[in-house]
Amino acid sequence: MQGRKGEGTKMKKIGKNQIPLTKNEISKVKTRALRKGIWYRVLTKVERACIDLVIKVVERIRSFLLKKMLSSILNKLEAAMESHVKHLMREIGDKLAFELSQIAQNWGNKTAARWAEDSGLMQYLTITHLNAPS
């Protein structure tokens, strides 16, 4: 059943985001990487050539191997384009929000269970942690 319409536009997980593997979306990621100055710094010549060829030749991706290869390259780009604060939110903010949530739950706060998932709280705790005196 390879001839189905829309088969090549399935979502692939790139970092924490879901983007479809279409010519236009891959082209957008390339443009962002070029603007941020990481296209040549992060990717090898072969990886850049693969992305360029896919953009020029393929309209929608059907091959599992091509999807897998593109996903790994795009994950690499997304990781390099991630801001410093977002990276620290995953590394530090997650843990701080979880610990704060656990303490509040132990004190009897029933709504505190959702705090560990709150990205705003994670961002606040991360920035507070960054600005704290060492």
C-alpha atoms as a PDB file:
ATOM      1  CA  MET A   1       0.000   0.000   0.000  1.00  0.00           C
ATOM      2  CA  GLN A   2       2.792   2.428  -0.857  1.00  0.00           C
ATOM      3  CA  GLY A   3       0.681   4.454  -3.243  1.00  0.00           C
ATOM      4  CA  ARG A   4      -1.525   5.983  -0.526  1.00  0.00           C
ATOM      5  CA  LYS A   5      -1.909   9.709  -0.538  1.00  0.00           C
ATOM      6  CA  GLY A   6      -0.114  11.495   2.316  1.00  0.00           C
ATOM      7  CA  GLU A   7       1.962   8.456   3.258  1.00  0.00           C
ATOM      8  CA  GLY A   8       5.222  10.401   3.038  1.00  0.00           C
ATOM      9  CA  THR A   9       4.016  13.122   5.374  1.00  0.00           C
ATOM     10  CA  LYS A  10       4.030  11.082   8.568  1.00  0.00           C
ATOM     11  CA  MET A  11       5.377  12.883  11.582  1.00  0.00           C
ATOM     12  CA  LYS A  12       8.896  12.093  12.716  1.00  0.00           C
ATOM     13  CA  LYS A  13      10.055  12.953  16.175  1.00  0.00           C
ATOM     14  CA  ILE A  14      12.793  15.550  16.046  1.00  0.00           C
ATOM     15  CA  GLY A  15      13.963  16.385  19.524  1.00  0.00           C
ATOM     16  CA  LYS A  16      10.775  17.040  21.453  1.00  0.00           C
ATOM     17  CA  ASN A  17       9.076  18.456  18.379  1.00  0.00           C
ATOM     18  CA  GLN A  18       7.127  16.609  15.735  1.00  0.00           C
ATOM     19  CA  ILE A  19       7.728  17.792  12.188  1.00  0.00           C
ATOM     20  CA  PRO A  20       6.591  16.119   8.981  1.00  0.00           C
ATOM     21  CA  LEU A  21       9.309  14.866   6.675  1.00  0.00           C
ATOM     22  CA  THR A  22       8.291  16.794   3.582  1.00  0.00           C
ATOM     23  CA  LYS A  23      10.368  18.781   1.150  1.00  0.00           C
ATOM     24  CA  ASN A  24       9.059  22.098   2.521  1.00  0.00           C
ATOM     25  CA  GLU A  25       9.634  21.271   6.184  1.00  0.00           C
ATOM     26  CA  ILE A  26      13.147  19.975   5.573  1.00  0.00           C
ATOM     27  CA  SER A  27      13.864  23.122   3.592  1.00  0.00           C
ATOM     28  CA  LYS A  28      12.637  25.259   6.527  1.00  0.00           C
ATOM     29  CA  VAL A  29      14.955  23.433   8.945  1.00  0.00           C
ATOM     30  CA  LYS A  30      17.867  23.978   6.545  1.00  0.00           C
ATOM     31  CA  THR A  31      17.057  27.689   6.294  1.00  0.00           C
ATOM     32  CA  ARG A  32      16.950  28.041  10.102  1.00  0.00           C
ATOM     33  CA  ALA A  33      20.270  26.198  10.418  1.00  0.00           C
ATOM     34  CA  LEU A  34      21.881  28.460   7.812  1.00  0.00           C
ATOM     35  CA  ARG A  35      20.575  31.584   9.551  1.00  0.00           C
ATOM     36  CA  LYS A  36      21.869  30.427  12.913  1.00  0.00           C
ATOM     37  CA  GLY A  37      25.256  29.624  11.386  1.00  0.00           C
ATOM     38  CA  ILE A  38      25.348  25.945  12.317  1.00  0.00           C
ATOM     39  CA  TRP A  39      24.715  24.322   8.913  1.00  0.00           C
ATOM     40  CA  TYR A  40      28.428  24.041   8.057  1.00  0.00           C
ATOM     41  CA  ARG A  41      29.642  23.741  11.622  1.00  0.00           C
ATOM     42  CA  VAL A  42      27.481  20.818  12.752  1.00  0.00           C
ATOM     43  CA  LEU A  43      26.900  18.726   9.630  1.00  0.00           C
ATOM     44  CA  THR A  44      29.454  16.836   7.590  1.00  0.00           C
ATOM     45  CA  LYS A  45      29.729  17.364   3.855  1.00  0.00           C
ATOM     46  CA  VAL A  46      27.902  14.073   3.210  1.00  0.00           C
ATOM     47  CA  GLU A  47      25.021  14.995   5.558  1.00  0.00           C
ATOM     48  CA  ARG A  48      24.630  18.394   3.898  1.00  0.00           C
ATOM     49  CA  ALA A  49      24.640  16.746   0.471  1.00  0.00           C
ATOM     50  CA  CYS A  50      21.950  14.258   1.545  1.00  0.00           C
ATOM     51  CA  ILE A  51      19.675  17.040   2.786  1.00  0.00           C
ATOM     52  CA  ASP A  52      20.264  19.089  -0.369  1.00  0.00           C
ATOM     53  CA  LEU A  53      19.500  16.106  -2.608  1.00  0.00           C
ATOM     54  CA  VAL A  54      16.308  15.281  -0.744  1.00  0.00           C
ATOM     55  CA  ILE A  55      15.147  18.882  -1.083  1.00  0.00           C
ATOM     56  CA  LYS A  56      15.895  18.899  -4.810  1.00  0.00           C
ATOM     57  CA  VAL A  57      14.698  15.419  -5.798  1.00  0.00           C
ATOM     58  CA  VAL A  58      12.116  14.062  -3.369  1.00  0.00           C
ATOM     59  CA  GLU A  59       8.646  15.539  -2.849  1.00  0.00           C
ATOM     60  CA  ARG A  60       7.529  13.102  -0.132  1.00  0.00           C
ATOM     61  CA  ILE A  61       9.632  10.478   1.567  1.00  0.00           C
ATOM     62  CA  ARG A  62       8.488   6.868   1.388  1.00  0.00           C
ATOM     63  CA  SER A  63      11.669   4.935   2.121  1.00  0.00           C
ATOM     64  CA  PHE A  64      12.090   3.832   5.726  1.00  0.00           C
ATOM     65  CA  LEU A  65      15.879   4.024   5.447  1.00  0.00           C
ATOM     66  CA  LEU A  66      15.760   7.540   4.036  1.00  0.00           C
ATOM     67  CA  LYS A  67      13.384   8.620   6.821  1.00  0.00           C
ATOM     68  CA  LYS A  68      15.685   7.117   9.427  1.00  0.00           C
ATOM     69  CA  MET A  69      18.767   8.813   7.967  1.00  0.00           C
ATOM     70  CA  LEU A  70      17.028  12.181   7.643  1.00  0.00           C
ATOM     71  CA  SER A  71      15.648  11.941  11.169  1.00  0.00           C
ATOM     72  CA  SER A  72      19.114  11.468  12.617  1.00  0.00           C
ATOM     73  CA  ILE A  73      20.513  14.411  10.642  1.00  0.00           C
ATOM     74  CA  LEU A  74      17.570  16.661  11.549  1.00  0.00           C
ATOM     75  CA  ASN A  75      17.829  15.623  15.215  1.00  0.00           C
ATOM     76  CA  LYS A  76      21.467  16.674  15.118  1.00  0.00           C
ATOM     77  CA  LEU A  77      20.488  20.066  13.676  1.00  0.00           C
ATOM     78  CA  GLU A  78      17.636  20.576  16.142  1.00  0.00           C
ATOM     79  CA  ALA A  79      19.918  19.781  19.079  1.00  0.00           C
ATOM     80  CA  ALA A  80      22.474  22.301  17.832  1.00  0.00           C
ATOM     81  CA  MET A  81      19.795  24.981  17.321  1.00  0.00           C
ATOM     82  CA  GLU A  82      18.307  24.509  20.791  1.00  0.00           C
ATOM     83  CA  SER A  83      18.818  27.541  23.023  1.00  0.00           C
ATOM     84  CA  HIS A  84      21.064  27.389  26.071  1.00  0.00           C
ATOM     85  CA  VAL A  85      18.134  27.993  28.432  1.00  0.00           C
ATOM     86  CA  LYS A  86      16.046  25.190  26.897  1.00  0.00           C
ATOM     87  CA  HIS A  87      18.982  22.805  27.235  1.00  0.00           C
ATOM     88  CA  LEU A  88      19.420  23.778  30.879  1.00  0.00           C
ATOM     89  CA  MET A  89      15.666  23.466  31.448  1.00  0.00           C
ATOM     90  CA  ARG A  90      15.921  19.815  30.415  1.00  0.00           C
ATOM     91  CA  GLU A  91      19.050  19.254  32.495  1.00  0.00           C
ATOM     92  CA  ILE A  92      18.350  21.310  35.642  1.00  0.00           C
ATOM     93  CA  GLY A  93      14.777  22.614  35.548  1.00  0.00           C
ATOM     94  CA  ASP A  94      13.245  19.140  35.201  1.00  0.00           C
ATOM     95  CA  LYS A  95      14.913  17.927  38.376  1.00  0.00           C
ATOM     96  CA  LEU A  96      14.231  21.088  40.378  1.00  0.00           C
ATOM     97  CA  ALA A  97      10.536  21.132  39.399  1.00  0.00           C
ATOM     98  CA  PHE A  98      10.190  17.433  40.281  1.00  0.00           C
ATOM     99  CA  GLU A  99      11.846  17.929  43.678  1.00  0.00           C
ATOM    100  CA  LEU A 100       9.700  20.989  44.442  1.00  0.00           C
ATOM    101  CA  SER A 101       6.604  19.057  43.386  1.00  0.00           C
ATOM    102  CA  GLN A 102       7.498  16.158  45.665  1.00  0.00           C
ATOM    103  CA  ILE A 103       8.063  18.472  48.653  1.00  0.00           C
ATOM    104  CA  ALA A 104       4.739  20.230  48.102  1.00  0.00           C
ATOM    105  CA  GLN A 105       2.930  16.887  47.738  1.00  0.00           C
ATOM    106  CA  ASN A 106       4.461  15.690  51.011  1.00  0.00           C
ATOM    107  CA  TRP A 107       3.084  18.843  52.648  1.00  0.00           C
ATOM    108  CA  GLY A 108      -0.382  17.906  51.386  1.00  0.00           C
ATOM    109  CA  ASN A 109      -0.728  20.014  48.242  1.00  0.00           C
ATOM    110  CA  LYS A 110      -2.716  17.809  45.854  1.00  0.00           C
ATOM    111  CA  THR A 111      -2.258  20.030  42.780  1.00  0.00           C
ATOM    112  CA  ALA A 112       1.533  19.940  43.130  1.00  0.00           C
ATOM    113  CA  ALA A 113       1.732  16.725  41.087  1.00  0.00           C
ATOM    114  CA  ARG A 114       1.249  18.809  37.927  1.00  0.00           C
ATOM    115  CA  TRP A 115       4.120  21.144  38.799  1.00  0.00           C
ATOM    116  CA  ALA A 116       6.720  18.680  37.542  1.00  0.00           C
ATOM    117  CA  GLU A 117       5.227  19.014  34.031  1.00  0.00           C
ATOM    118  CA  ASP A 118       4.921  22.825  34.044  1.00  0.00           C
ATOM    119  CA  SER A 119       7.415  24.295  31.563  1.00  0.00           C
ATOM    120  CA  GLY A 120       6.923  27.794  32.963  1.00  0.00           C
ATOM    121  CA  LEU A 121       7.962  26.620  36.422  1.00  0.00           C
ATOM    122  CA  MET A 122      10.931  24.747  34.935  1.00  0.00           C
ATOM    123  CA  GLN A 123      12.043  27.882  33.108  1.00  0.00           C
ATOM    124  CA  TYR A 124      11.650  30.014  36.240  1.00  0.00           C
ATOM    125  CA  LEU A 125      13.614  27.552  38.389  1.00  0.00           C
ATOM    126  CA  THR A 126      16.349  27.228  35.752  1.00  0.00           C
ATOM    127  CA  ILE A 127      16.851  30.979  35.405  1.00  0.00           C
ATOM    128  CA  THR A 128      16.736  31.415  39.182  1.00  0.00           C
ATOM    129  CA  HIS A 129      19.344  28.685  39.514  1.00  0.00           C
ATOM    130  CA  LEU A 130      21.539  30.382  36.882  1.00  0.00           C
ATOM    131  CA  ASN A 131      21.347  33.736  38.687  1.00  0.00           C
ATOM    132  CA  ALA A 132      22.017  32.297  42.147  1.00  0.00           C
ATOM    133  CA  PRO A 133      25.437  33.102  43.615  1.00  0.00           C
ATOM    134  CA  SER A 134      27.786  30.133  43.358  1.00  0.00           C
END
